[in-house]
Amino acid sequence: MTTLRPPPLTLLDKYQGQDTQTLYSTTVTVTGGDAGHGRASGGALSDDGNLSVDLRMPKALGGPGGGTNPEQLFAAGYAACFHGALSLLAARAGIRIAGASVDVTVDFGRDPMDGLFMLTAHTRIRLPGVERAVAEELVRNTERFCPYTKMARHGIENIVALMPPADAGET
């Protein structure tokens, strides 16, 4: 078993460039199941095979439950990213945050502006043993640093493209 090590503090160095500098990329493919779409059934599989989950509509939305759903996956990613960013900034500042936790609640609901759907996220951080003023500054700095928080506040570059069927070949 490999011993886990924290990421290098050089990740905190600012990037100077005109284009996005990709540090990591992954692809997750969702395929439908019994209901013919991934929301109610099916599965999600990452390109490296490390993420493989059954997708199920939650009981609260009339589904069978028994699997995960997009809101849980987003909340897990957001919480993990914020926790990682918090840990990195704490390490740089020499602040011990043993026992730190990040809870992200994602709500799926109706948008009053257009009547369609929307997500809201609520992030709660616990930093036991850290003085309140120090903890508040660390959390505010993490908000500015965490890519998920930036995405939630400012949007994300998103390109949607229809691809030809796999049997039609790439063009």
Protein backbone atom coordinates (compact mmCIF):
# COMPACT_ATOMS: atom_id res chain seq x y z
CA MET A 1 0.00 0.00 0.00
CA THR A 2 1.34 3.40 -0.98
CA THR A 3 1.69 5.98 1.76
CA LEU A 4 -0.47 9.00 1.05
CA ARG A 5 1.34 12.29 0.79
CA PRO A 6 -0.13 15.78 0.61
CA PRO A 7 -0.06 17.52 -2.76
CA PRO A 8 2.91 19.79 -3.37
CA LEU A 9 2.52 23.36 -2.17
CA THR A 10 3.68 24.44 -5.64
CA LEU A 11 0.03 23.96 -6.66
CA LEU A 12 -0.52 27.25 -4.84
CA ASP A 13 1.81 29.10 -7.24
CA LYS A 14 -0.10 31.39 -9.59
CA TYR A 15 -0.18 30.49 -13.28
CA GLN A 16 0.69 33.12 -15.87
CA GLY A 17 -0.70 32.37 -19.32
CA GLN A 18 -3.41 33.17 -21.83
CA ASP A 19 -4.98 29.71 -22.15
CA THR A 20 -6.18 27.29 -19.51
CA GLN A 21 -3.35 25.05 -18.36
CA THR A 22 -4.87 21.59 -17.86
CA LEU A 23 -3.36 19.77 -14.88
CA TYR A 24 -5.66 16.75 -14.93
CA SER A 25 -8.50 15.53 -17.11
CA THR A 26 -11.00 12.72 -16.68
CA THR A 27 -14.05 11.44 -18.51
CA VAL A 28 -17.07 9.76 -16.95
CA THR A 29 -19.54 8.00 -19.22
CA VAL A 30 -23.15 7.49 -18.19
CA THR A 31 -25.20 4.83 -19.93
CA GLY A 32 -28.91 4.27 -19.39
CA GLY A 33 -30.46 1.18 -17.96
CA ASP A 34 -33.99 -0.11 -17.55
CA ALA A 35 -35.66 3.28 -17.84
CA GLY A 36 -33.61 4.25 -20.88
CA HIS A 37 -31.85 7.15 -19.23
CA GLY A 38 -29.09 7.50 -16.64
CA ARG A 39 -31.17 9.58 -14.24
CA ALA A 40 -33.43 6.72 -13.21
CA SER A 41 -31.16 3.78 -13.84
CA GLY A 42 -27.92 2.89 -15.53
CA GLY A 43 -24.39 3.51 -14.49
CA ALA A 44 -21.49 5.93 -14.45
CA LEU A 45 -17.97 4.73 -15.24
CA SER A 46 -14.78 6.78 -15.28
CA ASP A 47 -12.18 6.34 -18.00
CA ASP A 48 -9.73 4.81 -15.51
CA GLY A 49 -12.36 2.51 -13.94
CA ASN A 50 -11.90 3.97 -10.45
CA LEU A 51 -15.43 5.36 -10.39
CA SER A 52 -18.18 2.88 -11.11
CA VAL A 53 -21.57 3.61 -9.62
CA ASP A 54 -25.14 2.55 -10.18
CA LEU A 55 -27.43 5.49 -10.83
CA ARG A 56 -30.95 5.52 -9.44
CA MET A 57 -33.67 8.12 -9.12
CA PRO A 58 -33.98 8.95 -5.41
CA LYS A 59 -37.14 7.87 -3.62
CA ALA A 60 -37.90 11.54 -2.91
CA LEU A 61 -38.36 12.04 -6.68
CA GLY A 62 -40.46 8.91 -7.17
CA GLY A 63 -37.63 6.55 -8.00
CA PRO A 64 -36.60 3.26 -6.45
CA GLY A 65 -33.48 4.55 -4.65
CA GLY A 66 -30.77 1.96 -4.17
CA GLY A 67 -28.07 3.84 -6.04
CA THR A 68 -26.52 7.25 -6.27
CA ASN A 69 -27.73 10.27 -8.24
CA PRO A 70 -26.21 13.35 -9.90
CA GLU A 71 -26.81 15.58 -6.88
CA GLN A 72 -24.91 13.20 -4.58
CA LEU A 73 -22.05 12.95 -7.06
CA PHE A 74 -21.84 16.74 -7.35
CA ALA A 75 -22.00 17.19 -3.55
CA ALA A 76 -19.22 14.61 -3.09
CA GLY A 77 -17.01 16.28 -5.70
CA TYR A 78 -17.63 19.74 -4.29
CA ALA A 79 -16.97 18.66 -0.68
CA ALA A 80 -13.82 16.75 -1.66
CA CYS A 81 -12.45 19.67 -3.68
CA PHE A 82 -13.19 22.24 -0.96
CA HIS A 83 -11.68 19.98 1.72
CA GLY A 84 -8.56 19.49 -0.39
CA ALA A 85 -8.20 23.21 -1.05
CA LEU A 86 -8.76 23.96 2.63
CA SER A 87 -6.09 21.43 3.63
CA LEU A 88 -3.60 22.83 1.13
CA LEU A 89 -4.07 26.43 2.28
CA ALA A 90 -3.93 25.37 5.94
CA ALA A 91 -0.64 23.55 5.32
CA ARG A 92 0.83 26.63 3.65
CA ALA A 93 -0.25 28.77 6.60
CA GLY A 94 1.02 26.24 9.17
CA ILE A 95 -2.48 25.69 10.60
CA ARG A 96 -3.29 22.20 11.86
CA ILE A 97 -6.82 21.21 10.89
CA ALA A 98 -7.04 17.68 12.25
CA GLY A 99 -10.68 16.64 12.36
CA ALA A 100 -11.73 19.19 9.73
CA SER A 101 -14.88 18.33 7.80
CA VAL A 102 -16.74 19.83 4.87
CA ASP A 103 -20.44 19.11 4.33
CA VAL A 104 -22.04 20.11 1.03
CA THR A 105 -25.79 19.90 0.67
CA VAL A 106 -27.08 20.07 -2.90
CA ASP A 107 -30.74 20.83 -3.44
CA PHE A 108 -32.47 19.95 -6.72
CA GLY A 109 -35.47 22.17 -7.25
CA ARG A 110 -37.54 24.42 -9.46
CA ASP A 111 -36.14 27.70 -10.73
CA PRO A 112 -38.59 30.56 -10.06
CA MET A 113 -37.13 32.50 -13.01
CA ASP A 114 -37.94 30.02 -15.80
CA GLY A 115 -39.95 27.28 -14.08
CA LEU A 116 -37.39 24.62 -15.00
CA PHE A 117 -34.78 23.02 -12.74
CA MET A 118 -31.87 24.37 -10.75
CA LEU A 119 -29.34 23.35 -8.13
CA THR A 120 -28.34 25.14 -4.97
CA ALA A 121 -25.40 24.22 -2.78
CA HIS A 122 -24.77 24.94 0.88
CA THR A 123 -21.26 24.36 2.23
CA ARG A 124 -20.58 23.96 5.95
CA ILE A 125 -17.06 23.69 7.33
CA ARG A 126 -16.05 22.47 10.77
CA LEU A 127 -12.54 23.25 12.01
CA PRO A 128 -12.34 21.95 15.59
CA GLY A 129 -9.52 23.44 17.64
CA VAL A 130 -8.91 26.36 15.26
CA GLU A 131 -9.47 29.87 16.63
CA ARG A 132 -12.60 31.43 15.09
CA ALA A 133 -10.89 34.42 13.40
CA VAL A 134 -8.19 32.14 11.92
CA ALA A 135 -10.81 29.65 10.74
CA GLU A 136 -12.90 32.40 9.11
CA GLU A 137 -9.90 33.75 7.19
CA LEU A 138 -8.92 30.24 6.07
CA VAL A 139 -12.47 29.52 4.84
CA ARG A 140 -12.68 32.86 2.94
CA ASN A 141 -9.32 32.20 1.28
CA THR A 142 -10.48 28.69 0.37
CA GLU A 143 -13.63 30.12 -1.23
CA ARG A 144 -11.45 32.20 -3.55
CA PHE A 145 -9.13 29.26 -4.29
CA CYS A 146 -11.45 26.23 -4.67
CA PRO A 147 -12.36 25.60 -8.35
CA TYR A 148 -15.78 24.18 -7.43
CA THR A 149 -16.68 27.35 -5.52
CA LYS A 150 -15.45 29.47 -8.42
CA MET A 151 -17.55 27.35 -10.80
CA ALA A 152 -20.63 27.66 -8.59
CA ARG A 153 -20.26 31.44 -8.40
CA HIS A 154 -19.05 32.35 -11.86
CA GLY A 155 -20.05 29.46 -14.11
CA ILE A 156 -17.88 27.03 -16.03
CA GLU A 157 -16.64 26.82 -19.58
CA ASN A 158 -18.92 24.20 -21.10
CA ILE A 159 -18.91 22.95 -24.66
CA VAL A 160 -21.77 20.64 -25.65
CA ALA A 161 -21.25 18.66 -28.86
CA LEU A 162 -23.32 15.95 -30.52
CA MET A 163 -21.02 13.12 -31.58
CA PRO A 164 -21.73 10.68 -34.42
CA PRO A 165 -22.81 7.16 -33.45
CA ALA A 166 -19.86 4.91 -32.58
CA ASP A 167 -20.53 2.71 -35.61
CA ALA A 168 -20.55 5.74 -37.97
CA GLY A 169 -16.88 6.49 -37.37
CA GLU A 170 -15.30 9.76 -36.34
CA THR A 171 -15.43 12.74 -38.72
